[in-house]
Protein backbone atom coordinates (compact mmCIF):
# COMPACT_ATOMS: atom_id res chain seq x y z
CA MET A 1 -72.68 -20.11 97.77
CA ASN A 2 -75.34 -20.83 100.37
CA ALA A 3 -76.09 -24.29 99.57
CA LYS A 4 -79.28 -23.82 102.11
CA TYR A 5 -80.40 -21.38 99.65
CA ILE A 6 -79.89 -22.77 96.26
CA LEU A 7 -82.47 -25.63 97.47
CA LYS A 8 -85.20 -23.10 98.54
CA ARG A 9 -85.21 -21.41 94.82
CA ILE A 10 -84.70 -25.29 93.21
CA ALA A 11 -88.21 -26.05 95.63
CA LEU A 12 -89.33 -22.20 94.86
CA SER A 13 -88.43 -22.65 90.80
CA ALA A 14 -90.66 -26.66 90.88
CA PHE A 15 -93.63 -24.76 93.09
CA THR A 16 -93.26 -21.89 89.90
CA LEU A 17 -93.25 -24.69 87.24
CA LEU A 18 -96.70 -26.52 88.94
CA VAL A 19 -98.56 -23.37 89.21
CA ILE A 20 -98.00 -22.65 85.33
CA LEU A 21 -98.66 -25.73 84.86
CA LEU A 22 -101.93 -25.27 85.99
CA ILE A 23 -102.64 -22.17 84.22
CA LEU A 24 -101.71 -23.73 81.63
CA PHE A 25 -104.56 -26.46 81.85
CA ILE A 26 -106.85 -23.43 83.08
CA LEU A 27 -106.46 -21.00 80.16
CA LEU A 28 -106.62 -24.38 77.88
CA GLU A 29 -109.96 -25.15 79.46
CA PHE A 30 -111.53 -21.96 78.43
CA MET A 31 -110.44 -21.90 75.05
CA PRO A 32 -113.40 -21.61 72.41
CA GLY A 33 -113.52 -25.14 70.00
CA SER A 34 -111.48 -28.04 70.85
CA PRO A 35 -109.02 -30.18 69.24
CA PHE A 36 -111.67 -32.08 67.19
CA ASN A 37 -113.10 -29.59 64.73
CA ASP A 38 -113.27 -31.08 61.72
CA GLU A 39 -117.01 -31.24 60.31
CA LYS A 40 -117.41 -34.57 59.34
CA LEU A 41 -117.56 -35.80 63.01
CA SER A 42 -120.67 -35.83 64.69
CA GLU A 43 -121.32 -35.20 68.42
CA GLU A 44 -121.35 -39.11 69.35
CA GLN A 45 -117.86 -39.00 67.38
CA ILE A 46 -116.43 -35.75 69.15
CA ALA A 47 -117.68 -37.58 72.78
CA VAL A 48 -116.34 -41.24 71.88
CA LEU A 49 -112.43 -39.27 71.06
CA TYR A 50 -112.95 -37.10 74.83
CA GLN A 51 -113.56 -40.23 76.18
CA LYS A 52 -110.25 -41.66 74.89
CA TYR A 53 -108.11 -39.16 75.24
CA GLY A 54 -109.58 -38.58 79.15
CA LEU A 55 -110.59 -35.14 77.85
CA ASP A 56 -114.47 -35.86 79.61
CA LYS A 57 -112.65 -35.86 82.92
CA PRO A 58 -112.64 -33.14 85.59
CA ILE A 59 -109.83 -30.89 84.84
CA ALA A 60 -108.48 -31.53 88.53
CA VAL A 61 -108.51 -35.24 87.90
CA ARG A 62 -106.73 -34.55 84.73
CA PHE A 63 -104.34 -32.22 85.96
CA GLY A 64 -103.03 -34.99 88.94
CA ILE A 65 -103.07 -37.72 85.59
CA TYR A 66 -100.64 -35.08 83.53
CA VAL A 67 -98.34 -33.77 86.30
CA LYS A 68 -98.49 -37.62 87.66
CA ASN A 69 -97.25 -38.72 83.92
CA MET A 70 -94.98 -35.63 83.03
CA LEU A 71 -92.59 -36.85 86.05
CA THR A 72 -91.92 -40.01 83.95
CA GLY A 73 -91.13 -37.81 80.87
CA ASP A 74 -94.44 -38.57 79.58
CA PHE A 75 -96.33 -35.05 77.98
CA GLY A 76 -99.04 -37.44 76.35
CA VAL A 77 -100.11 -37.46 72.36
CA SER A 78 -100.42 -34.84 69.94
CA TYR A 79 -104.56 -34.77 68.99
CA VAL A 80 -103.98 -33.21 65.84
CA LEU A 81 -101.11 -32.01 64.21
CA HIS A 82 -99.51 -35.75 64.89
CA LYS A 83 -102.62 -37.81 65.78
CA ASN A 84 -101.80 -40.65 68.25
CA MET A 85 -97.71 -39.20 68.07
CA PRO A 86 -96.29 -39.30 71.39
CA ILE A 87 -94.77 -35.44 72.37
CA THR A 88 -91.63 -36.16 73.36
CA GLN A 89 -90.75 -38.29 69.63
CA MET A 90 -92.50 -35.55 68.29
CA LEU A 91 -90.52 -32.78 69.73
CA LYS A 92 -87.54 -34.01 70.34
CA GLY A 93 -85.38 -33.32 67.06
CA ARG A 94 -86.93 -30.31 66.59
CA LEU A 95 -85.85 -29.07 70.54
CA GLN A 96 -82.31 -30.05 69.39
CA VAL A 97 -82.57 -28.17 66.57
CA SER A 98 -83.75 -24.68 68.48
CA ALA A 99 -81.88 -24.97 71.07
CA ARG A 100 -78.88 -25.94 68.72
CA ILE A 101 -79.31 -22.62 66.99
CA GLY A 102 -80.46 -20.62 69.27
CA PHE A 103 -77.07 -21.17 71.26
CA GLN A 104 -75.14 -20.62 68.09
CA ALA A 105 -76.47 -17.04 68.08
CA LEU A 106 -76.57 -16.27 71.48
CA LEU A 107 -72.64 -17.00 71.15
CA VAL A 108 -72.23 -14.86 68.13
CA GLY A 109 -73.83 -12.13 70.18
CA LEU A 110 -71.23 -12.69 73.23
CA ILE A 111 -68.37 -12.83 71.23
CA PHE A 112 -69.59 -9.62 69.53
CA GLY A 113 -71.23 -8.19 71.42
CA LEU A 114 -68.86 -8.01 74.17
CA ILE A 115 -66.14 -6.67 71.62
CA LEU A 116 -67.85 -4.14 70.55
CA GLY A 117 -69.04 -2.69 73.21
CA ILE A 118 -65.05 -2.72 75.41
CA SER A 119 -63.69 -1.34 72.71
CA ALA A 120 -66.75 1.16 72.52
CA ALA A 121 -66.15 1.87 76.46
CA LEU A 122 -62.12 2.25 75.76
CA HIS A 123 -62.96 4.45 72.63
CA GLN A 124 -65.76 6.98 74.22
CA ASN A 125 -66.92 9.54 71.80
CA SER A 126 -64.43 8.05 69.04
CA PRO A 127 -65.56 7.24 65.85
CA LEU A 128 -65.67 3.27 66.87
CA ASP A 129 -68.20 4.71 69.89
CA THR A 130 -70.67 6.15 67.70
CA GLY A 131 -70.39 3.58 64.91
CA THR A 132 -70.82 1.02 68.04
CA THR A 133 -74.40 2.92 68.97
CA LEU A 134 -75.47 3.26 65.44
CA LEU A 135 -74.85 -0.50 64.61
CA SER A 136 -76.52 -1.53 68.04
CA LEU A 137 -79.69 1.47 67.18
CA ILE A 138 -80.08 -0.63 64.19
CA GLY A 139 -80.23 -4.06 65.61
CA ALA A 140 -82.42 -3.64 68.18
CA SER A 141 -84.41 -1.47 66.10
CA VAL A 142 -84.77 -4.32 63.23
CA PRO A 143 -86.78 -6.99 63.18
CA SER A 144 -84.46 -10.48 62.83
CA TYR A 145 -86.95 -11.36 59.95
CA VAL A 146 -85.92 -8.19 58.12
CA PHE A 147 -82.09 -9.39 58.58
CA ALA A 148 -82.80 -12.51 57.48
CA LEU A 149 -84.52 -12.13 54.44
CA LEU A 150 -81.56 -9.70 53.76
CA LEU A 151 -78.61 -12.19 54.56
CA SER A 152 -81.21 -14.92 52.22
CA TYR A 153 -80.97 -12.27 49.65
CA ILE A 154 -76.99 -11.48 49.52
CA PHE A 155 -75.40 -14.94 50.31
CA ALA A 156 -77.77 -17.37 49.01
CA PHE A 157 -79.74 -15.51 46.42
CA ARG A 158 -76.98 -12.94 44.90
CA LEU A 159 -73.78 -14.71 46.07
CA LYS A 160 -74.75 -18.00 45.95
CA ILE A 161 -71.97 -18.78 49.08
CA LEU A 162 -74.84 -19.92 51.42
CA PRO A 163 -77.86 -22.15 51.41
CA LEU A 164 -80.82 -20.74 51.95
CA PHE A 165 -82.48 -23.79 53.10
CA TYR A 166 -82.21 -25.60 56.44
CA SER A 167 -80.45 -29.04 55.52
CA THR A 168 -80.37 -31.55 57.59
CA HIS A 169 -77.10 -32.78 55.65
CA ASP A 170 -74.92 -30.21 56.12
CA GLU A 171 -76.86 -28.98 59.15
CA PHE A 172 -73.30 -26.44 60.61
CA VAL A 173 -73.18 -24.96 56.91
CA SER A 174 -76.92 -24.41 56.66
CA SER A 175 -77.70 -22.63 60.00
CA ILE A 176 -74.94 -20.21 59.34
CA LEU A 177 -77.86 -17.90 58.38
CA PRO A 178 -80.35 -18.16 60.62
CA THR A 179 -77.83 -17.97 63.08
CA ILE A 180 -76.58 -14.48 62.31
CA ALA A 181 -80.05 -13.43 61.16
CA LEU A 182 -81.00 -13.91 65.21
CA GLY A 183 -77.67 -12.92 66.61
CA MET A 184 -78.04 -9.08 65.23
CA SER A 185 -80.17 -7.91 68.27
CA PRO A 186 -78.23 -9.97 70.56
CA ILE A 187 -75.07 -8.26 69.68
CA ALA A 188 -76.79 -5.23 69.59
CA SER A 189 -78.24 -5.21 73.49
CA ILE A 190 -75.23 -7.07 74.71
CA ALA A 191 -73.11 -4.06 72.78
CA ARG A 192 -75.05 -1.41 74.44
CA PHE A 193 -75.37 -2.96 77.71
CA SER A 194 -71.72 -3.52 78.05
CA ARG A 195 -70.35 -0.37 76.81
CA THR A 196 -72.86 1.68 79.39
CA GLU A 197 -71.51 -1.48 82.32
CA MET A 198 -68.18 -0.75 81.03
CA ILE A 199 -68.10 3.30 81.49
CA GLU A 200 -69.27 3.30 84.23
CA VAL A 201 -67.41 0.99 86.55
CA LEU A 202 -63.84 2.40 84.55
CA GLY A 203 -65.21 5.56 86.13
CA SER A 204 -65.31 4.08 89.72
CA ASP A 205 -62.59 4.41 92.36
CA PHE A 206 -60.63 1.35 92.34
CA ILE A 207 -60.39 1.30 89.33
CA THR A 208 -58.35 4.85 89.57
CA LEU A 209 -56.89 3.72 92.72
CA ALA A 210 -55.55 0.23 90.52
CA GLU A 211 -54.13 2.60 87.78
CA ALA A 212 -52.62 5.14 90.43
CA LYS A 213 -50.72 2.12 91.64
CA GLY A 214 -49.53 1.49 88.54
CA ILE A 215 -51.20 -1.60 87.78
CA ARG A 216 -51.15 -1.92 84.00
CA ARG A 217 -54.16 -0.90 81.97
CA LEU A 218 -54.55 -4.68 80.60
CA PRO A 219 -54.79 -6.27 83.56
CA VAL A 220 -57.37 -3.39 85.13
CA ILE A 221 -59.55 -3.67 82.28
CA PHE A 222 -59.85 -7.41 81.93
CA ARG A 223 -58.56 -8.20 86.20
CA HIS A 224 -61.27 -6.01 87.65
CA ALA A 225 -63.43 -4.03 84.99
CA LEU A 226 -64.71 -6.15 83.04
CA ARG A 227 -65.47 -8.87 85.97
CA ASN A 228 -67.72 -6.34 87.79
CA ALA A 229 -69.38 -5.73 84.24
CA LEU A 230 -70.23 -8.83 83.83
CA ILE A 231 -72.42 -8.97 86.30
CA PRO A 232 -75.35 -6.79 85.53
CA ILE A 233 -74.51 -8.16 81.85
CA LEU A 234 -75.74 -11.87 83.00
CA THR A 235 -79.05 -10.30 83.43
CA VAL A 236 -79.56 -9.33 80.17
CA VAL A 237 -78.06 -12.59 79.17
CA ALA A 238 -79.91 -14.89 80.72
CA PRO A 239 -83.59 -13.64 79.36
CA LEU A 240 -82.00 -13.82 75.46
CA MET A 241 -81.03 -17.01 75.68
CA VAL A 242 -84.11 -18.44 76.38
CA SER A 243 -85.94 -16.57 73.77
CA LEU A 244 -83.21 -17.54 71.25
CA MET A 245 -83.01 -21.34 72.45
CA THR A 246 -86.71 -21.70 72.01
CA GLY A 247 -86.82 -20.40 68.75
CA SER A 248 -87.91 -17.62 66.33
CA THR A 249 -91.18 -18.45 64.19
CA VAL A 250 -90.57 -16.01 61.30
CA VAL A 251 -86.67 -16.51 61.02
CA GLU A 252 -87.35 -20.91 60.89
CA THR A 253 -90.07 -19.97 58.62
CA ILE A 254 -87.69 -18.56 56.16
CA PHE A 255 -84.90 -20.32 56.37
CA SER A 256 -87.26 -23.34 56.74
CA VAL A 257 -85.66 -24.95 59.93
CA PRO A 258 -87.32 -27.99 61.74
CA GLY A 259 -87.88 -26.14 64.23
CA ILE A 260 -90.58 -25.70 67.87
CA GLY A 261 -91.35 -22.23 66.92
CA SER A 262 -93.62 -23.05 63.64
CA VAL A 263 -95.15 -26.20 65.69
CA PHE A 264 -96.22 -23.97 68.71
CA VAL A 265 -97.69 -21.87 66.29
CA GLU A 266 -99.81 -24.68 64.59
CA SER A 267 -100.52 -26.47 67.65
CA ILE A 268 -102.16 -22.76 69.62
CA GLN A 269 -104.10 -22.79 65.81
CA VAL A 270 -105.58 -26.10 66.02
CA ASN A 271 -106.33 -26.44 69.73
CA ASP A 272 -103.53 -29.32 70.54
CA TYR A 273 -103.79 -28.66 73.59
CA ASN A 274 -101.27 -31.27 74.90
CA VAL A 275 -98.43 -29.77 72.40
CA VAL A 276 -99.60 -26.37 73.21
CA ILE A 277 -98.97 -26.76 77.01
CA ALA A 278 -95.45 -29.46 76.43
CA LEU A 279 -94.04 -26.59 74.59
CA SER A 280 -94.71 -23.94 77.16
CA PHE A 281 -94.02 -26.01 80.23
CA ILE A 282 -90.71 -26.35 78.67
CA MET A 283 -89.91 -22.84 77.71
CA SER A 284 -91.22 -21.57 81.06
CA ALA A 285 -88.60 -24.63 82.95
CA PHE A 286 -85.89 -23.48 80.59
CA TYR A 287 -85.95 -20.00 81.41
CA ILE A 288 -86.71 -21.04 85.26
CA VAL A 289 -83.33 -23.36 85.22
CA VAL A 290 -81.35 -19.94 83.68
CA MET A 291 -81.96 -17.56 85.80
CA LEU A 292 -81.15 -20.29 88.66
CA ILE A 293 -78.03 -20.69 86.99
CA VAL A 294 -77.56 -16.98 86.41
CA ASP A 295 -78.01 -16.33 90.48
CA ILE A 296 -75.37 -18.81 91.29
CA LEU A 297 -72.96 -17.71 88.43
CA TYR A 298 -72.87 -13.95 90.47
CA GLY A 299 -71.43 -15.74 93.57
CA ILE A 300 -68.78 -17.44 91.21
CA ILE A 301 -67.78 -13.73 88.93
CA ASP A 302 -67.96 -11.73 92.40
CA PRO A 303 -66.84 -13.89 95.16
CA ARG A 304 -67.76 -10.90 97.37
CA ILE A 305 -72.04 -11.99 96.43
CA ARG A 306 -72.56 -14.00 99.46
CA VAL A 307 -76.07 -15.05 100.06
CA GLN A 308 -77.90 -15.49 103.25
CA GLY A 309 -81.42 -16.35 104.46
CA GLY A 310 -81.86 -15.81 101.16
CA SER A 311 -80.56 -12.14 100.36
CA LYS A 312 -77.34 -11.32 99.13
CA ASN A 313 -74.80 -9.24 100.74
CA ALA A 314 -71.80 -7.61 99.21
């Protein structure tokens, strides 16, 4: 992997995040209303609050101050949701909860999605293949909150073997239902995509040549076919990882998960500018970092890929 290319990508990522931050500032500047919509507040009191939080300054000045503070880990304070509470303190626990449940859901999706997709590809046009295709269609079509309601009714209400609501006293057990609910869509996407890629790779010339040379089928599948199929699968997994690990508002609400999904929606509704900007920036940064890691993993999974001057040449 070319170090120059990686450094160039990191610099480009940092510039992209700066542009995203600027766009967020401009959009919030033109949003109707303000963080101080309390009817009991007079115009003079609102003006005092704007001066206190520096919102009376020009947008260019506020942007510069925000970027300078952000580089030290200071995202400002909440104006409405938790008045004067530092954003980092407010989001710290919630980010950990959303990220952990999202990671668990992604792990479930990867394991079961790959198993189903590879099995379906190896038994093409069989009942297993048909069942996997049907499951993938259901998983991709049905929203995660429907699975959440169904799982909560069966396992929490009827069978009473799993807790309905998330509890900090038993985080793993209480996160099982939201993990499965969020994991259904990744299972479907990864199973469908891995099946398609595996069928294409298994039908390629180099697999046929390997089998003609007498190489056993199992090594051919895992050393060659799966390795080549994983490269495009990574492209699907990366966006899934970001969406899962940054929270799902409805699923978190159903299971009372103290994640960032509900906070993000609430902060938009009440114009809590700093919270909106901080969460949007964190989600954007996470997405860009994940895509950068995926680029690097391309070269690790397939050594034939070499990066020269910002382009990939096999």
